[in-house]
């Protein structure tokens, strides 16, 4: 497996190649990479890949992490039934 096939975001299966291509094409920040590729938007909410994405963007000449608003962590999404929402089931 080549370096570019390395999976950075396991939840969304985003590779290093996809992130590099996005940064090079759009000259974007970590946040923009997240929005364009969905890297860091999976069930873990970026807990496993956020730092790697930040470093990759910075190494490729994107905005420095200290100059932008960092990506936020989101709690994992869990399904809730309508009965629980309506107060009928527990």
Protein backbone atom coordinates (compact mmCIF):
# COMPACT_ATOMS: atom_id res chain seq x y z
CA UNK A 1 0.00 0.00 0.00
CA UNK A 2 1.38 3.39 -0.94
CA UNK A 3 1.56 6.37 1.38
CA UNK A 4 -1.32 8.07 -0.46
CA UNK A 5 -3.61 5.09 0.23
CA UNK A 6 -3.20 5.51 3.98
CA UNK A 7 -6.60 6.00 5.58
CA UNK A 8 -6.60 9.11 7.76
CA UNK A 9 -10.28 9.19 8.73
CA UNK A 10 -11.38 5.63 9.47
CA UNK A 11 -15.04 6.49 10.00
CA UNK A 12 -15.49 8.11 6.59
CA UNK A 13 -12.64 6.16 4.89
CA UNK A 14 -10.86 9.33 3.70
CA UNK A 15 -7.31 8.73 2.47
CA UNK A 16 -4.21 10.88 2.67
CA UNK A 17 -4.41 11.25 -1.12
CA UNK A 18 -7.93 12.74 -0.91
CA UNK A 19 -6.88 15.21 1.76
CA UNK A 20 -3.74 16.23 -0.15
CA UNK A 21 -5.69 16.73 -3.38
CA UNK A 22 -8.31 18.82 -1.59
CA UNK A 23 -5.73 21.07 0.09
CA UNK A 24 -3.74 21.52 -3.11
CA UNK A 25 -6.79 22.22 -5.26
CA UNK A 26 -8.67 24.57 -2.94
CA UNK A 27 -5.83 25.91 -0.71
CA UNK A 28 -8.10 25.24 2.22
CA UNK A 29 -7.94 25.06 5.99
CA UNK A 30 -8.58 22.02 8.19
CA UNK A 31 -12.18 23.09 8.60
CA UNK A 32 -12.66 23.34 4.84
CA UNK A 33 -11.06 19.91 4.36
CA UNK A 34 -13.58 18.55 6.84
CA UNK A 35 -16.50 20.12 4.98
CA UNK A 36 -15.28 19.12 1.50
CA UNK A 37 -14.27 15.52 2.28
CA UNK A 38 -16.28 14.63 5.42
CA UNK A 39 -13.00 13.73 7.17
CA UNK A 40 -13.66 14.04 10.88
CA UNK A 41 -17.44 13.94 10.47
CA UNK A 42 -17.98 10.25 11.19
CA UNK A 43 -19.31 8.61 14.37
CA UNK A 44 -16.16 9.45 16.36
CA UNK A 45 -16.58 13.15 15.58
CA UNK A 46 -12.93 13.62 14.66
CA UNK A 47 -11.48 12.27 17.87
CA UNK A 48 -9.11 9.93 16.00
CA UNK A 49 -8.16 12.00 12.94
CA UNK A 50 -8.55 15.68 13.79
CA UNK A 51 -4.92 16.24 14.83
CA UNK A 52 -3.62 14.39 11.78
CA UNK A 53 -5.79 16.49 9.45
CA UNK A 54 -4.56 19.68 11.13
CA UNK A 55 -0.90 18.62 10.71
CA UNK A 56 -1.34 17.49 7.08
CA UNK A 57 -2.96 20.80 6.11
CA UNK A 58 -0.22 22.77 7.84
CA UNK A 59 2.55 20.71 6.17
CA UNK A 60 0.97 21.30 2.75
CA UNK A 61 1.05 25.06 3.21
CA UNK A 62 -2.49 25.58 4.46
CA UNK A 63 -3.34 28.02 7.23
CA UNK A 64 -1.53 27.44 10.50
CA UNK A 65 -3.62 25.74 13.14
CA UNK A 66 -3.02 28.63 15.54
CA UNK A 67 -4.50 31.10 13.00
CA UNK A 68 -7.86 29.44 12.60
CA UNK A 69 -10.73 28.16 14.68
CA UNK A 70 -9.98 24.52 15.37
CA UNK A 71 -12.35 21.72 14.45
CA UNK A 72 -14.81 20.92 17.19
CA UNK A 73 -15.52 17.55 18.70
CA UNK A 74 -19.05 16.26 18.33
CA UNK A 75 -20.63 13.56 20.46
CA UNK A 76 -21.39 10.31 18.67
CA UNK A 77 -24.88 10.07 17.25
CA UNK A 78 -27.08 7.39 18.71
CA UNK A 79 -30.54 6.50 17.41
CA UNK A 80 -33.48 7.37 19.64
CA UNK A 81 -36.93 5.94 19.03
CA UNK A 82 -39.95 8.19 18.62
CA UNK A 83 -41.50 6.51 21.66
CA UNK A 84 -38.63 7.72 23.85
CA UNK A 85 -38.90 11.22 22.39
CA UNK A 86 -42.64 11.27 22.98
CA UNK A 87 -42.29 10.00 26.54
CA UNK A 88 -44.21 6.76 25.95
CA UNK A 89 -41.38 4.24 26.19
CA UNK A 90 -38.39 3.96 28.45
